[in-house]
Amino acid sequence: MTEPSIIREDSETKGRYVATLAGHPGEAELTFSKASETLIIVDHTGVPDSLRGKGLAAALSRRVIADARAAGQKIVPLCPFFRAFAARHPKETADVIA
């Protein structure tokens, strides 16, 4: 399967990651709020029906984790999907989950 294309969009207080998959309509997203320079809150992950089952939510989760780790940030997992993802991957996420 083709790897998704993921971009990050930021404003001063919020941000989102958008994932698309070549040949498939729609986009998946993961949104977050910036609580401080070192703390972000992942509050929503959404995948349209046309993209479900293709691993986009997991890819978005891995990207926000990698970016938070690189920036020295912690993540508060309010989004139910992201919270469950972190719980299923404790070794991969323990250092960034607040």
PDB file of N, CA and C in Angstrom:
ATOM      1  N   MET A   1       0.837  -1.179   0.000  1.00  0.00           N
ATOM      2  CA  MET A   1       0.000   0.000   0.000  1.00  0.00           C
ATOM      3  C   MET A   1       0.884   1.245   0.000  1.00  0.00           C
ATOM      4  N   THR A   2       0.409   2.285  -0.619  1.00  0.00           N
ATOM      5  CA  THR A   2       1.111   3.558  -0.690  1.00  0.00           C
ATOM      6  C   THR A   2       1.134   4.227   0.675  1.00  0.00           C
ATOM      7  N   GLU A   3       2.253   4.846   0.994  1.00  0.00           N
ATOM      8  CA  GLU A   3       2.364   5.596   2.244  1.00  0.00           C
ATOM      9  C   GLU A   3       1.525   6.866   2.140  1.00  0.00           C
ATOM     10  N   PRO A   4       0.880   7.256   3.236  1.00  0.00           N
ATOM     11  CA  PRO A   4       0.103   8.489   3.192  1.00  0.00           C
ATOM     12  C   PRO A   4       1.009   9.711   3.146  1.00  0.00           C
ATOM     13  N   SER A   5       0.481  10.772   2.580  1.00  0.00           N
ATOM     14  CA  SER A   5       1.140  12.070   2.611  1.00  0.00           C
ATOM     15  C   SER A   5       0.574  12.810   3.820  1.00  0.00           C
ATOM     16  N   ILE A   6       1.436  13.265   4.720  1.00  0.00           N
ATOM     17  CA  ILE A   6       0.987  13.956   5.938  1.00  0.00           C
ATOM     18  C   ILE A   6       1.617  15.337   5.984  1.00  0.00           C
ATOM     19  N   ILE A   7       0.763  16.348   6.163  1.00  0.00           N
ATOM     20  CA  ILE A   7       1.263  17.706   6.336  1.00  0.00           C
ATOM     21  C   ILE A   7       0.778  18.245   7.680  1.00  0.00           C
ATOM     22  N   ARG A   8       1.521  19.198   8.203  1.00  0.00           N
ATOM     23  CA  ARG A   8       1.173  19.832   9.475  1.00  0.00           C
ATOM     24  C   ARG A   8       0.806  21.281   9.204  1.00  0.00           C
ATOM     25  N   GLU A   9      -0.296  21.704   9.809  1.00  0.00           N
ATOM     26  CA  GLU A   9      -0.741  23.093   9.710  1.00  0.00           C
ATOM     27  C   GLU A   9      -0.803  23.649  11.123  1.00  0.00           C
ATOM     28  N   ASP A  10      -0.240  24.848  11.325  1.00  0.00           N
ATOM     29  CA  ASP A  10      -0.183  25.449  12.656  1.00  0.00           C
ATOM     30  C   ASP A  10      -0.757  26.854  12.667  1.00  0.00           C
ATOM     31  N   SER A  11      -1.406  27.194  13.772  1.00  0.00           N
ATOM     32  CA  SER A  11      -1.734  28.574  14.092  1.00  0.00           C
ATOM     33  C   SER A  11      -1.041  28.848  15.427  1.00  0.00           C
ATOM     34  N   GLU A  12      -1.292  29.981  16.006  1.00  0.00           N
ATOM     35  CA  GLU A  12      -0.618  30.310  17.255  1.00  0.00           C
ATOM     36  C   GLU A  12      -1.003  29.385  18.402  1.00  0.00           C
ATOM     37  N   THR A  13      -2.286  28.956  18.456  1.00  0.00           N
ATOM     38  CA  THR A  13      -2.755  28.168  19.591  1.00  0.00           C
ATOM     39  C   THR A  13      -3.207  26.752  19.242  1.00  0.00           C
ATOM     40  N   LYS A  14      -3.337  26.447  17.966  1.00  0.00           N
ATOM     41  CA  LYS A  14      -3.838  25.141  17.544  1.00  0.00           C
ATOM     42  C   LYS A  14      -3.032  24.637  16.360  1.00  0.00           C
ATOM     43  N   GLY A  15      -3.282  23.386  16.017  1.00  0.00           N
ATOM     44  CA  GLY A  15      -2.664  22.812  14.841  1.00  0.00           C
ATOM     45  C   GLY A  15      -3.398  21.565  14.417  1.00  0.00           C
ATOM     46  N   ARG A  16      -3.027  21.075  13.262  1.00  0.00           N
ATOM     47  CA  ARG A  16      -3.598  19.821  12.787  1.00  0.00           C
ATOM     48  C   ARG A  16      -2.648  19.169  11.806  1.00  0.00           C
ATOM     49  N   TYR A  17      -2.760  17.857  11.747  1.00  0.00           N
ATOM     50  CA  TYR A  17      -2.064  17.059  10.760  1.00  0.00           C
ATOM     51  C   TYR A  17      -3.124  16.554   9.801  1.00  0.00           C
ATOM     52  N   VAL A  18      -2.828  16.613   8.509  1.00  0.00           N
ATOM     53  CA  VAL A  18      -3.758  16.169   7.481  1.00  0.00           C
ATOM     54  C   VAL A  18      -3.075  15.082   6.665  1.00  0.00           C
ATOM     55  N   ALA A  19      -3.761  13.951   6.535  1.00  0.00           N
ATOM     56  CA  ALA A  19      -3.219  12.831   5.765  1.00  0.00           C
ATOM     57  C   ALA A  19      -4.096  12.552   4.559  1.00  0.00           C
ATOM     58  N   THR A  20      -3.449  12.349   3.423  1.00  0.00           N
ATOM     59  CA  THR A  20      -4.148  11.957   2.203  1.00  0.00           C
ATOM     60  C   THR A  20      -3.459  10.712   1.651  1.00  0.00           C
ATOM     61  N   LEU A  21      -4.192   9.998   0.844  1.00  0.00           N
ATOM     62  CA  LEU A  21      -3.674   8.780   0.242  1.00  0.00           C
ATOM     63  C   LEU A  21      -3.933   8.862  -1.263  1.00  0.00           C
ATOM     64  N   ALA A  22      -2.888   8.738  -2.044  1.00  0.00           N
ATOM     65  CA  ALA A  22      -3.006   8.841  -3.502  1.00  0.00           C
ATOM     66  C   ALA A  22      -4.072   7.883  -4.029  1.00  0.00           C
ATOM     67  N   GLY A  23      -4.923   8.405  -4.873  1.00  0.00           N
ATOM     68  CA  GLY A  23      -5.959   7.584  -5.483  1.00  0.00           C
ATOM     69  C   GLY A  23      -7.207   7.407  -4.645  1.00  0.00           C
ATOM     70  N   HIS A  24      -7.256   8.038  -3.477  1.00  0.00           N
ATOM     71  CA  HIS A  24      -8.407   7.920  -2.590  1.00  0.00           C
ATOM     72  C   HIS A  24      -8.916   9.317  -2.244  1.00  0.00           C
ATOM     73  N   PRO A  25     -10.225   9.515  -2.335  1.00  0.00           N
ATOM     74  CA  PRO A  25     -10.773  10.837  -2.011  1.00  0.00           C
ATOM     75  C   PRO A  25     -10.791  11.092  -0.501  1.00  0.00           C
ATOM     76  N   GLY A  26     -10.740  12.348  -0.128  1.00  0.00           N
ATOM     77  CA  GLY A  26     -10.876  12.738   1.271  1.00  0.00           C
ATOM     78  C   GLY A  26      -9.547  12.876   1.972  1.00  0.00           C
ATOM     79  N   GLU A  27      -9.658  13.331   3.221  1.00  0.00           N
ATOM     80  CA  GLU A  27      -8.469  13.492   4.050  1.00  0.00           C
ATOM     81  C   GLU A  27      -8.788  13.134   5.488  1.00  0.00           C
ATOM     82  N   ALA A  28      -7.803  12.570   6.160  1.00  0.00           N
ATOM     83  CA  ALA A  28      -7.913  12.264   7.584  1.00  0.00           C
ATOM     84  C   ALA A  28      -7.207  13.383   8.336  1.00  0.00           C
ATOM     85  N   GLU A  29      -7.621  13.617   9.584  1.00  0.00           N
ATOM     86  CA  GLU A  29      -6.957  14.665  10.346  1.00  0.00           C
ATOM     87  C   GLU A  29      -6.812  14.295  11.807  1.00  0.00           C
ATOM     88  N   LEU A  30      -5.798  14.896  12.430  1.00  0.00           N
ATOM     89  CA  LEU A  30      -5.574  14.821  13.859  1.00  0.00           C
ATOM     90  C   LEU A  30      -5.365  16.266  14.296  1.00  0.00           C
ATOM     91  N   THR A  31      -6.172  16.719  15.263  1.00  0.00           N
ATOM     92  CA  THR A  31      -6.067  18.110  15.698  1.00  0.00           C
ATOM     93  C   THR A  31      -5.505  18.179  17.113  1.00  0.00           C
ATOM     94  N   PHE A  32      -4.864  19.310  17.403  1.00  0.00           N
ATOM     95  CA  PHE A  32      -4.288  19.510  18.727  1.00  0.00           C
ATOM     96  C   PHE A  32      -4.332  20.975  19.115  1.00  0.00           C
ATOM     97  N   SER A  33      -4.262  21.205  20.412  1.00  0.00           N
ATOM     98  CA  SER A  33      -4.161  22.545  20.974  1.00  0.00           C
ATOM     99  C   SER A  33      -2.793  22.675  21.616  1.00  0.00           C
ATOM    100  N   LYS A  34      -2.250  23.882  21.577  1.00  0.00           N
ATOM    101  CA  LYS A  34      -0.944  24.156  22.183  1.00  0.00           C
ATOM    102  C   LYS A  34      -1.171  24.752  23.561  1.00  0.00           C
ATOM    103  N   ALA A  35      -0.966  23.953  24.597  1.00  0.00           N
ATOM    104  CA  ALA A  35      -1.169  24.419  25.968  1.00  0.00           C
ATOM    105  C   ALA A  35       0.004  25.280  26.431  1.00  0.00           C
ATOM    106  N   SER A  36       1.204  24.927  25.976  1.00  0.00           N
ATOM    107  CA  SER A  36       2.412  25.689  26.296  1.00  0.00           C
ATOM    108  C   SER A  36       3.473  25.302  25.273  1.00  0.00           C
ATOM    109  N   GLU A  37       4.685  25.827  25.449  1.00  0.00           N
ATOM    110  CA  GLU A  37       5.786  25.473  24.548  1.00  0.00           C
ATOM    111  C   GLU A  37       6.138  23.992  24.638  1.00  0.00           C
ATOM    112  N   THR A  38       5.846  23.389  25.782  1.00  0.00           N
ATOM    113  CA  THR A  38       6.257  21.998  25.999  1.00  0.00           C
ATOM    114  C   THR A  38       5.090  21.027  26.168  1.00  0.00           C
ATOM    115  N   LEU A  39       3.850  21.493  25.933  1.00  0.00           N
ATOM    116  CA  LEU A  39       2.683  20.637  26.136  1.00  0.00           C
ATOM    117  C   LEU A  39       1.646  20.868  25.048  1.00  0.00           C
ATOM    118  N   ILE A  40       1.258  19.774  24.375  1.00  0.00           N
ATOM    119  CA  ILE A  40       0.163  19.852  23.407  1.00  0.00           C
ATOM    120  C   ILE A  40      -0.937  18.885  23.833  1.00  0.00           C
ATOM    121  N   ILE A  41      -2.154  19.187  23.395  1.00  0.00           N
ATOM    122  CA  ILE A  41      -3.315  18.364  23.726  1.00  0.00           C
ATOM    123  C   ILE A  41      -3.899  17.824  22.425  1.00  0.00           C
ATOM    124  N   VAL A  42      -3.794  16.524  22.217  1.00  0.00           N
ATOM    125  CA  VAL A  42      -4.409  15.904  21.040  1.00  0.00           C
ATOM    126  C   VAL A  42      -5.884  15.709  21.372  1.00  0.00           C
ATOM    127  N   ASP A  43      -6.755  16.400  20.611  1.00  0.00           N
ATOM    128  CA  ASP A  43      -8.170  16.409  20.975  1.00  0.00           C
ATOM    129  C   ASP A  43      -9.109  15.743  19.964  1.00  0.00           C
ATOM    130  N   HIS A  44      -8.613  15.407  18.784  1.00  0.00           N
ATOM    131  CA  HIS A  44      -9.523  14.808  17.794  1.00  0.00           C
ATOM    132  C   HIS A  44      -8.723  14.092  16.710  1.00  0.00           C
ATOM    133  N   THR A  45      -9.216  12.929  16.320  1.00  0.00           N
ATOM    134  CA  THR A  45      -8.722  12.226  15.142  1.00  0.00           C
ATOM    135  C   THR A  45      -9.944  11.841  14.330  1.00  0.00           C
ATOM    136  N   GLY A  46      -9.937  12.212  13.060  1.00  0.00           N
ATOM    137  CA  GLY A  46     -11.077  11.904  12.197  1.00  0.00           C
ATOM    138  C   GLY A  46     -10.625  11.313  10.879  1.00  0.00           C
ATOM    139  N   VAL A  47     -11.305  10.243  10.482  1.00  0.00           N
ATOM    140  CA  VAL A  47     -11.017   9.584   9.212  1.00  0.00           C
ATOM    141  C   VAL A  47     -12.344   9.363   8.493  1.00  0.00           C
ATOM    142  N   PRO A  48     -12.499   9.887   7.277  1.00  0.00           N
ATOM    143  CA  PRO A  48     -13.759   9.672   6.558  1.00  0.00           C
ATOM    144  C   PRO A  48     -13.921   8.207   6.164  1.00  0.00           C
ATOM    145  N   ASP A  49     -15.154   7.824   5.947  1.00  0.00           N
ATOM    146  CA  ASP A  49     -15.457   6.435   5.581  1.00  0.00           C
ATOM    147  C   ASP A  49     -14.625   5.958   4.391  1.00  0.00           C
ATOM    148  N   SER A  50     -14.378   6.833   3.424  1.00  0.00           N
ATOM    149  CA  SER A  50     -13.640   6.446   2.213  1.00  0.00           C
ATOM    150  C   SER A  50     -12.190   6.059   2.512  1.00  0.00           C
ATOM    151  N   LEU A  51     -11.673   6.423   3.686  1.00  0.00           N
ATOM    152  CA  LEU A  51     -10.285   6.128   4.028  1.00  0.00           C
ATOM    153  C   LEU A  51     -10.134   5.194   5.230  1.00  0.00           C
ATOM    154  N   ARG A  52     -11.226   4.740   5.784  1.00  0.00           N
ATOM    155  CA  ARG A  52     -11.154   3.876   6.966  1.00  0.00           C
ATOM    156  C   ARG A  52     -10.460   2.552   6.634  1.00  0.00           C
ATOM    157  N   GLY A  53      -9.741   2.034   7.626  1.00  0.00           N
ATOM    158  CA  GLY A  53      -9.083   0.745   7.468  1.00  0.00           C
ATOM    159  C   GLY A  53      -7.774   0.791   6.702  1.00  0.00           C
ATOM    160  N   LYS A  54      -7.268   1.986   6.433  1.00  0.00           N
ATOM    161  CA  LYS A  54      -6.039   2.115   5.654  1.00  0.00           C
ATOM    162  C   LYS A  54      -4.852   2.567   6.510  1.00  0.00           C
ATOM    163  N   GLY A  55      -5.043   2.642   7.827  1.00  0.00           N
ATOM    164  CA  GLY A  55      -3.947   2.962   8.722  1.00  0.00           C
ATOM    165  C   GLY A  55      -3.622   4.436   8.863  1.00  0.00           C
ATOM    166  N   LEU A  56      -4.506   5.309   8.397  1.00  0.00           N
ATOM    167  CA  LEU A  56      -4.196   6.733   8.437  1.00  0.00           C
ATOM    168  C   LEU A  56      -4.211   7.301   9.849  1.00  0.00           C
ATOM    169  N   ALA A  57      -5.137   6.879  10.682  1.00  0.00           N
ATOM    170  CA  ALA A  57      -5.181   7.389  12.060  1.00  0.00           C
ATOM    171  C   ALA A  57      -3.912   6.992  12.810  1.00  0.00           C
ATOM    172  N   ALA A  58      -3.450   5.773  12.606  1.00  0.00           N
ATOM    173  CA  ALA A  58      -2.200   5.333  13.244  1.00  0.00           C
ATOM    174  C   ALA A  58      -1.016   6.116  12.698  1.00  0.00           C
ATOM    175  N   ALA A  59      -0.990   6.380  11.389  1.00  0.00           N
ATOM    176  CA  ALA A  59       0.102   7.154  10.795  1.00  0.00           C
ATOM    177  C   ALA A  59       0.114   8.575  11.352  1.00  0.00           C
ATOM    178  N   LEU A  60      -1.055   9.172  11.504  1.00  0.00           N
ATOM    179  CA  LEU A  60      -1.145  10.510  12.096  1.00  0.00           C
ATOM    180  C   LEU A  60      -0.657  10.492  13.543  1.00  0.00           C
ATOM    181  N   SER A  61      -1.034   9.462  14.275  1.00  0.00           N
ATOM    182  CA  SER A  61      -0.616   9.341  15.673  1.00  0.00           C
ATOM    183  C   SER A  61       0.896   9.218  15.781  1.00  0.00           C
ATOM    184  N   ARG A  62       1.476   8.389  14.933  1.00  0.00           N
ATOM    185  CA  ARG A  62       2.931   8.225  14.965  1.00  0.00           C
ATOM    186  C   ARG A  62       3.643   9.530  14.601  1.00  0.00           C
ATOM    187  N   ARG A  63       3.070  10.281  13.681  1.00  0.00           N
ATOM    188  CA  ARG A  63       3.698  11.555  13.276  1.00  0.00           C
ATOM    189  C   ARG A  63       3.669  12.577  14.409  1.00  0.00           C
ATOM    190  N   VAL A  64       2.515  12.726  15.089  1.00  0.00           N
ATOM    191  CA  VAL A  64       2.461  13.704  16.182  1.00  0.00           C
ATOM    192  C   VAL A  64       3.396  13.283  17.314  1.00  0.00           C
ATOM    193  N   ILE A  65       3.521  11.994  17.553  1.00  0.00           N
ATOM    194  CA  ILE A  65       4.454  11.497  18.578  1.00  0.00           C
ATOM    195  C   ILE A  65       5.887  11.830  18.189  1.00  0.00           C
ATOM    196  N   ALA A  66       6.259  11.571  16.950  1.00  0.00           N
ATOM    197  CA  ALA A  66       7.625  11.857  16.499  1.00  0.00           C
ATOM    198  C   ALA A  66       7.927  13.348  16.567  1.00  0.00           C
ATOM    199  N   ASP A  67       6.980  14.167  16.144  1.00  0.00           N
ATOM    200  CA  ASP A  67       7.195  15.614  16.175  1.00  0.00           C
ATOM    201  C   ASP A  67       7.289  16.130  17.606  1.00  0.00           C
ATOM    202  N   ALA A  68       6.453  15.627  18.501  1.00  0.00           N
ATOM    203  CA  ALA A  68       6.504  16.043  19.905  1.00  0.00           C
ATOM    204  C   ALA A  68       7.835  15.639  20.527  1.00  0.00           C
ATOM    205  N   ARG A  69       8.278  14.440  20.240  1.00  0.00           N
ATOM    206  CA  ARG A  69       9.558  13.963  20.775  1.00  0.00           C
ATOM    207  C   ARG A  69      10.708  14.857  20.280  1.00  0.00           C
ATOM    208  N   ALA A  70      10.706  15.174  19.002  1.00  0.00           N
ATOM    209  CA  ALA A  70      11.763  16.009  18.429  1.00  0.00           C
ATOM    210  C   ALA A  70      11.758  17.417  19.023  1.00  0.00           C
ATOM    211  N   ALA A  71      10.579  17.909  19.404  1.00  0.00           N
ATOM    212  CA  ALA A  71      10.453  19.258  19.956  1.00  0.00           C
ATOM    213  C   ALA A  71      10.565  19.289  21.481  1.00  0.00           C
ATOM    214  N   GLY A  72      10.733  18.129  22.109  1.00  0.00           N
ATOM    215  CA  GLY A  72      10.815  18.080  23.562  1.00  0.00           C
ATOM    216  C   GLY A  72       9.484  18.371  24.234  1.00  0.00           C
ATOM    217  N   GLN A  73       8.395  17.973  23.578  1.00  0.00           N
ATOM    218  CA  GLN A  73       7.057  18.230  24.104  1.00  0.00           C
ATOM    219  C   GLN A  73       6.437  16.965  24.697  1.00  0.00           C
ATOM    220  N   LYS A  74       5.456  17.177  25.552  1.00  0.00           N
ATOM    221  CA  LYS A  74       4.617  16.103  26.077  1.00  0.00           C
ATOM    222  C   LYS A  74       3.235  16.259  25.449  1.00  0.00           C
ATOM    223  N   ILE A  75       2.500  15.147  25.402  1.00  0.00           N
ATOM    224  CA  ILE A  75       1.164  15.121  24.801  1.00  0.00           C
ATOM    225  C   ILE A  75       0.139  14.691  25.837  1.00  0.00           C
ATOM    226  N   VAL A  76      -0.932  15.469  25.952  1.00  0.00           N
ATOM    227  CA  VAL A  76      -2.092  15.068  26.749  1.00  0.00           C
ATOM    228  C   VAL A  76      -3.072  14.425  25.761  1.00  0.00           C
ATOM    229  N   PRO A  77      -3.386  13.144  25.925  1.00  0.00           N
ATOM    230  CA  PRO A  77      -4.223  12.428  24.962  1.00  0.00           C
ATOM    231  C   PRO A  77      -5.720  12.496  25.298  1.00  0.00           C
ATOM    232  N   LEU A  78      -6.387  13.574  24.910  1.00  0.00           N
ATOM    233  CA  LEU A  78      -7.833  13.670  25.155  1.00  0.00           C
ATOM    234  C   LEU A  78      -8.660  12.915  24.120  1.00  0.00           C
ATOM    235  N   CYS A  79      -8.173  12.815  22.918  1.00  0.00           N
ATOM    236  CA  CYS A  79      -8.880  12.113  21.839  1.00  0.00           C
ATOM    237  C   CYS A  79      -8.961  10.621  22.179  1.00  0.00           C
ATOM    238  N   PRO A  80     -10.152  10.029  22.133  1.00  0.00           N
ATOM    239  CA  PRO A  80     -10.284   8.604  22.462  1.00  0.00           C
ATOM    240  C   PRO A  80      -9.415   7.684  21.589  1.00  0.00           C
ATOM    241  N   PHE A  81      -9.345   7.961  20.280  1.00  0.00           N
ATOM    242  CA  PHE A  81      -8.507   7.107  19.427  1.00  0.00           C
ATOM    243  C   PHE A  81      -7.051   7.226  19.823  1.00  0.00           C
ATOM    244  N   PHE A  82      -6.567   8.463  19.970  1.00  0.00           N
ATOM    245  CA  PHE A  82      -5.160   8.657  20.300  1.00  0.00           C
ATOM    246  C   PHE A  82      -4.820   8.066  21.668  1.00  0.00           C
ATOM    247  N   ARG A  83      -5.709   8.224  22.630  1.00  0.00           N
ATOM    248  CA  ARG A  83      -5.490   7.656  23.962  1.00  0.00           C
ATOM    249  C   ARG A  83      -5.367   6.132  23.868  1.00  0.00           C
ATOM    250  N   ALA A  84      -6.250   5.501  23.090  1.00  0.00           N
ATOM    251  CA  ALA A  84      -6.199   4.045  22.915  1.00  0.00           C
ATOM    252  C   ALA A  84      -4.927   3.631  22.170  1.00  0.00           C
ATOM    253  N   PHE A  85      -4.528   4.412  21.172  1.00  0.00           N
ATOM    254  CA  PHE A  85      -3.298   4.122  20.434  1.00  0.00           C
ATOM    255  C   PHE A  85      -2.107   4.137  21.388  1.00  0.00           C
ATOM    256  N   ALA A  86      -2.024   5.172  22.222  1.00  0.00           N
ATOM    257  CA  ALA A  86      -0.920   5.275  23.188  1.00  0.00           C
ATOM    258  C   ALA A  86      -0.930   4.109  24.168  1.00  0.00           C
ATOM    259  N   ALA A  87      -2.116   3.692  24.597  1.00  0.00           N
ATOM    260  CA  ALA A  87      -2.231   2.573  25.534  1.00  0.00           C
ATOM    261  C   ALA A  87      -1.789   1.255  24.881  1.00  0.00           C
ATOM    262  N   ARG A  88      -2.046   1.098  23.586  1.00  0.00           N
ATOM    263  CA  ARG A  88      -1.655  -0.115  22.862  1.00  0.00           C
ATOM    264  C   ARG A  88      -0.167  -0.145  22.524  1.00  0.00           C
ATOM    265  N   HIS A  89       0.484   1.025  22.565  1.00  0.00           N
ATOM    266  CA  HIS A  89       1.904   1.130  22.193  1.00  0.00           C
ATOM    267  C   HIS A  89       2.696   1.823  23.303  1.00  0.00           C
ATOM    268  N   PRO A  90       2.716   1.262  24.504  1.00  0.00           N
ATOM    269  CA  PRO A  90       3.353   1.965  25.630  1.00  0.00           C
ATOM    270  C   PRO A  90       4.854   2.209  25.440  1.00  0.00           C
ATOM    271  N   LYS A  91       5.573   1.294  24.836  1.00  0.00           N
ATOM    272  CA  LYS A  91       7.010   1.496  24.645  1.00  0.00           C
ATOM    273  C   LYS A  91       7.293   2.615  23.653  1.00  0.00           C
ATOM    274  N   GLU A  92       6.430   2.741  22.666  1.00  0.00           N
ATOM    275  CA  GLU A  92       6.587   3.749  21.622  1.00  0.00           C
ATOM    276  C   GLU A  92       6.183   5.143  22.099  1.00  0.00           C
ATOM    277  N   THR A  93       5.352   5.221  23.142  1.00  0.00           N
ATOM    278  CA  THR A  93       4.763   6.506  23.520  1.00  0.00           C
ATOM    279  C   THR A  93       5.079   6.984  24.941  1.00  0.00           C
ATOM    280  N   ALA A  94       5.627   6.143  25.774  1.00  0.00           N
ATOM    281  CA  ALA A  94       5.776   6.464  27.206  1.00  0.00           C
ATOM    282  C   ALA A  94       6.535   7.764  27.457  1.00  0.00           C
ATOM    283  N   ASP A  95       7.520   8.062  26.645  1.00  0.00           N
ATOM    284  CA  ASP A  95       8.336   9.252  26.905  1.00  0.00           C
ATOM    285  C   ASP A  95       7.651  10.566  26.511  1.00  0.00           C
ATOM    286  N   VAL A  96       6.568  10.506  25.757  1.00  0.00           N
ATOM    287  CA  VAL A  96       5.910  11.744  25.323  1.00  0.00           C
ATOM    288  C   VAL A  96       4.494  11.931  25.877  1.00  0.00           C
ATOM    289  N   ILE A  97       3.928  10.900  26.476  1.00  0.00           N
ATOM    290  CA  ILE A  97       2.563  11.028  27.010  1.00  0.00           C
ATOM    291  C   ILE A  97       2.620  11.636  28.409  1.00  0.00           C
ATOM    292  N   ALA A  98       1.855  12.713  28.585  1.00  0.00           N
ATOM    293  CA  ALA A  98       1.827  13.415  29.883  1.00  0.00           C
ATOM    294  C   ALA A  98       0.882  12.712  30.832  1.00  0.00           C
TER     295      ALA A  98
END
